[in-house]
């Protein structure tokens, strides 16, 4: 059975390109474009991993969604990705802004994303 990954991002181009990369590696991919839909899908689908954008409808949507998801699904790893840290020079991971499992800057190289996913879901049943 393939691992299920949920992408929560409002940029359809990012979602589609990420989806293609993941599906080519055998992952089952579901996606949502908004924070509320993303949270509902996470709770209903219980994915093996979530890839979450920081900025969606509001600039901090990703932080709130990550907190809500972790309160319901504490064992599901979350990769938060954003181009904001590159643009502003702000390192979310170093400042412990939100408890996610990994931060990655967009744009992300496919090999970097796949390596991160492999590290976070290695050993998970599925």
Protein backbone atom coordinates (compact mmCIF):
# COMPACT_ATOMS: atom_id res chain seq x y z
CA UNK A 1 0.00 0.00 0.00
CA UNK A 2 1.40 3.38 -0.97
CA UNK A 3 1.93 6.21 1.49
CA UNK A 4 -0.66 9.02 1.36
CA UNK A 5 0.53 12.62 1.24
CA UNK A 6 -1.72 15.66 1.63
CA UNK A 7 -0.62 18.92 0.00
CA UNK A 8 -2.25 22.09 1.36
CA UNK A 9 -1.34 25.03 -0.87
CA UNK A 10 -3.32 27.69 -2.72
CA UNK A 11 -0.92 27.85 -5.70
CA UNK A 12 -2.25 25.40 -8.31
CA UNK A 13 1.07 25.32 -10.19
CA UNK A 14 2.99 24.33 -7.05
CA UNK A 15 0.38 21.71 -6.18
CA UNK A 16 0.42 20.20 -9.66
CA UNK A 17 4.20 20.07 -9.98
CA UNK A 18 4.59 18.62 -6.47
CA UNK A 19 1.85 16.12 -7.15
CA UNK A 20 3.59 14.94 -10.34
CA UNK A 21 6.88 14.45 -8.48
CA UNK A 22 5.26 12.50 -5.65
CA UNK A 23 3.05 10.34 -7.84
CA UNK A 24 6.05 9.42 -10.02
CA UNK A 25 7.61 8.01 -6.83
CA UNK A 26 4.54 5.93 -6.00
CA UNK A 27 2.90 8.17 -3.40
CA UNK A 28 -0.86 8.63 -3.27
CA UNK A 29 -1.47 12.38 -3.31
CA UNK A 30 -4.48 14.40 -2.21
CA UNK A 31 -4.56 18.18 -2.25
CA UNK A 32 -6.54 21.09 -0.87
CA UNK A 33 -6.22 24.77 -1.73
CA UNK A 34 -7.37 26.35 1.52
CA UNK A 35 -6.68 26.08 5.23
CA UNK A 36 -10.14 24.92 6.33
CA UNK A 37 -10.45 22.36 3.54
CA UNK A 38 -6.91 21.21 4.28
CA UNK A 39 -7.66 20.69 7.97
CA UNK A 40 -10.86 18.76 7.18
CA UNK A 41 -9.07 16.59 4.67
CA UNK A 42 -6.24 15.88 7.14
CA UNK A 43 -8.69 14.74 9.81
CA UNK A 44 -10.85 12.72 7.40
CA UNK A 45 -8.05 11.16 5.32
CA UNK A 46 -5.33 10.72 8.00
CA UNK A 47 -2.40 11.04 5.57
CA UNK A 48 1.07 9.66 6.27
CA UNK A 49 2.55 13.15 5.78
CA UNK A 50 1.36 16.71 5.09
CA UNK A 51 3.07 19.35 2.97
CA UNK A 52 1.75 22.73 4.07
CA UNK A 53 2.25 26.24 2.68
CA UNK A 54 2.65 29.13 5.11
CA UNK A 55 0.77 31.83 3.19
CA UNK A 56 -2.65 31.09 1.75
CA UNK A 57 -5.74 33.26 2.23
CA UNK A 58 -4.04 35.06 5.13
CA UNK A 59 -0.27 35.39 5.52
CA UNK A 60 -0.20 33.14 8.58
CA UNK A 61 -2.80 30.50 7.65
CA UNK A 62 -0.21 27.73 7.57
CA UNK A 63 0.76 28.30 11.19
CA UNK A 64 -2.81 28.04 12.44
CA UNK A 65 -3.59 24.99 10.31
CA UNK A 66 -0.41 23.24 11.49
CA UNK A 67 -1.40 23.82 15.12
CA UNK A 68 -4.94 22.54 14.52
CA UNK A 69 -3.69 19.47 12.67
CA UNK A 70 -1.08 18.66 15.35
CA UNK A 71 -3.76 18.92 18.05
CA UNK A 72 -5.82 16.21 16.29
CA UNK A 73 -3.06 14.20 14.57
CA UNK A 74 0.13 14.64 16.61
CA UNK A 75 1.93 11.74 14.92
CA UNK A 76 1.42 12.91 11.32
CA UNK A 77 4.58 14.68 10.16
CA UNK A 78 4.21 18.11 8.60
CA UNK A 79 6.63 19.71 6.17
CA UNK A 80 5.98 23.44 6.02
CA UNK A 81 7.26 25.15 2.94
CA UNK A 82 7.32 28.76 1.88
CA UNK A 83 9.17 31.30 -0.19
CA UNK A 84 8.67 33.89 2.56
CA UNK A 85 11.80 32.96 4.47
CA UNK A 86 13.89 33.47 1.34
CA UNK A 87 12.26 36.81 0.58
CA UNK A 88 12.37 38.14 4.14
CA UNK A 89 15.44 36.33 5.44
CA UNK A 90 13.40 34.87 8.28
CA UNK A 91 14.22 31.36 9.47
CA UNK A 92 11.02 29.85 10.89
CA UNK A 93 12.77 26.69 12.04
CA UNK A 94 15.41 28.44 14.09
CA UNK A 95 12.84 30.52 15.93
CA UNK A 96 10.43 27.70 16.73
CA UNK A 97 7.48 29.69 15.40
CA UNK A 98 5.31 26.60 15.03
CA UNK A 99 5.79 22.96 15.85
CA UNK A 100 6.16 21.26 12.49
CA UNK A 101 8.59 18.51 11.65
CA UNK A 102 10.54 20.31 8.94
CA UNK A 103 10.76 23.63 7.13
CA UNK A 104 11.74 23.79 3.45
CA UNK A 105 12.17 26.87 1.29
CA UNK A 106 10.26 27.15 -2.00
CA UNK A 107 11.12 26.57 -4.71
CA UNK A 108 12.35 23.17 -3.61
CA UNK A 109 14.38 20.76 -5.69
CA UNK A 110 12.52 17.46 -6.16
CA UNK A 111 15.42 15.46 -4.70
CA UNK A 112 15.42 17.63 -1.54
CA UNK A 113 11.67 17.22 -1.08
CA UNK A 114 11.79 13.46 -1.65
CA UNK A 115 14.68 13.06 0.77
CA UNK A 116 12.79 15.03 3.44
CA UNK A 117 9.67 12.96 2.93
CA UNK A 118 11.66 9.74 3.11
CA UNK A 119 13.21 10.76 6.42
CA UNK A 120 9.87 11.69 7.98
CA UNK A 121 7.79 8.69 6.94
CA UNK A 122 10.49 6.02 7.07
CA UNK A 123 9.30 3.16 9.18
CA UNK A 124 5.66 4.30 9.27
CA UNK A 125 3.24 1.50 8.59
CA UNK A 126 1.33 1.77 5.37
